[in-house]
Amino acid sequence: MVIGTRRLRVKPLVGLSLLFLIVSGAAGALGNLPAKPAPALWQVTGGQGTAYLLTALNIGNDDFYPLHPKIESLFAASDNLVVSVDLTKIEPEELNASILAAALYPEGQTIKDQLSPAEIQRCTEVLARYGLSLEQLAPFRPWFLLVTIEAVHQQTMGYFPDQSLDIYFLDTAGGKRIIGLESPIDQAILLAQLPPATEKMLLLEALASDLAKETEELVTSWWRGDLEKLTALIFAHQDDPAYSGYYDHIYFRRNRRMADQIEELLATGGSYFLLLPCGHFLGEQGIIALLQAKGFNVERLPLSD
């Protein structure tokens, strides 16, 4: 199966093919929004270079593009495109093998061994909404079921991973240098590195959540550049000790590493257009605060209609 985007063609992994199912459905109503997305955008100066940091989502649709003219203009004028993972350099077979190794239980074990009868029933009911069966997915660990359910649900609302901001900008990068901050394998198996109890907790939370409401709120907050709301959504459990390891692993440690990488890039000169998922920029341990602590001037740029 090959998913075509404008110029870039992304081969989904065999082990992740469920994440790329095309499920019919219209995008949810997002209320009274600006005609074009106006997500949070910052200018970073200091050292020898300049960077523009844009909050991104891992999903999208035709309504997202083109983005606000100021965003498109700054991207066009930048020498380099910086993304979390350079999707143009993926080696599908190697990545596929790594994901399957991290997603599958050892032979003879299934997710049913980890769930109570009530949890098995709930999981069965949620999967059935999307035409999936627990029997089909039983060999996979909780983290894989979690991302499958979320991705398929987002597609029922009309949001697709092959229309994400990363792919949009990679498609239009032209001769820009593309810089990936992380390896595809490291990012693909992030959730697999969580403790089993945390994995299970995240799956059970998703099974009990109103995914339609959460997705709509996430897209609306990103579209408006509402950082306060994004923080409330993404870090809703930050004060819960059960989630501390999750936030540290998925966000805070990576934020520190990526802030160091941005510092190194700016020291070499040039202009950089950087996009990362929203959560990486937020809060006292977010990339914005970390860059400010390093002495960079970070200014949020207004995006008026």
Foldseek 3Di string as FASTA:
>chain_A
DWDDDDDDIADDAPVQVLLFDQDDAAADDLPDFPQEFDAWWKWWDDAFAIEIEGAWDLKDAPSRPDHFPVLVVQLVPFQAEEEQEDRVPDDRVVLNVLLCVLWFDPPPAWCVVVDDPVLQVLLQVLQVVLVHGCVVRGRTALQSSLSSSLSSVNSNNPIGSCPIPSNVCSVVVPPHHYHHLDYSNCVSCLLSPDPSVLSVVSSVVSSPDPSSVLVSQCVSCRRHNPQVSNCCSPCVCVVPPSCVVVCCSPEQVVLVSVLVVVVVVSNVYTYYYYYYHSVQQDDCSHNVNVNVVVVIDMGIDDRDD
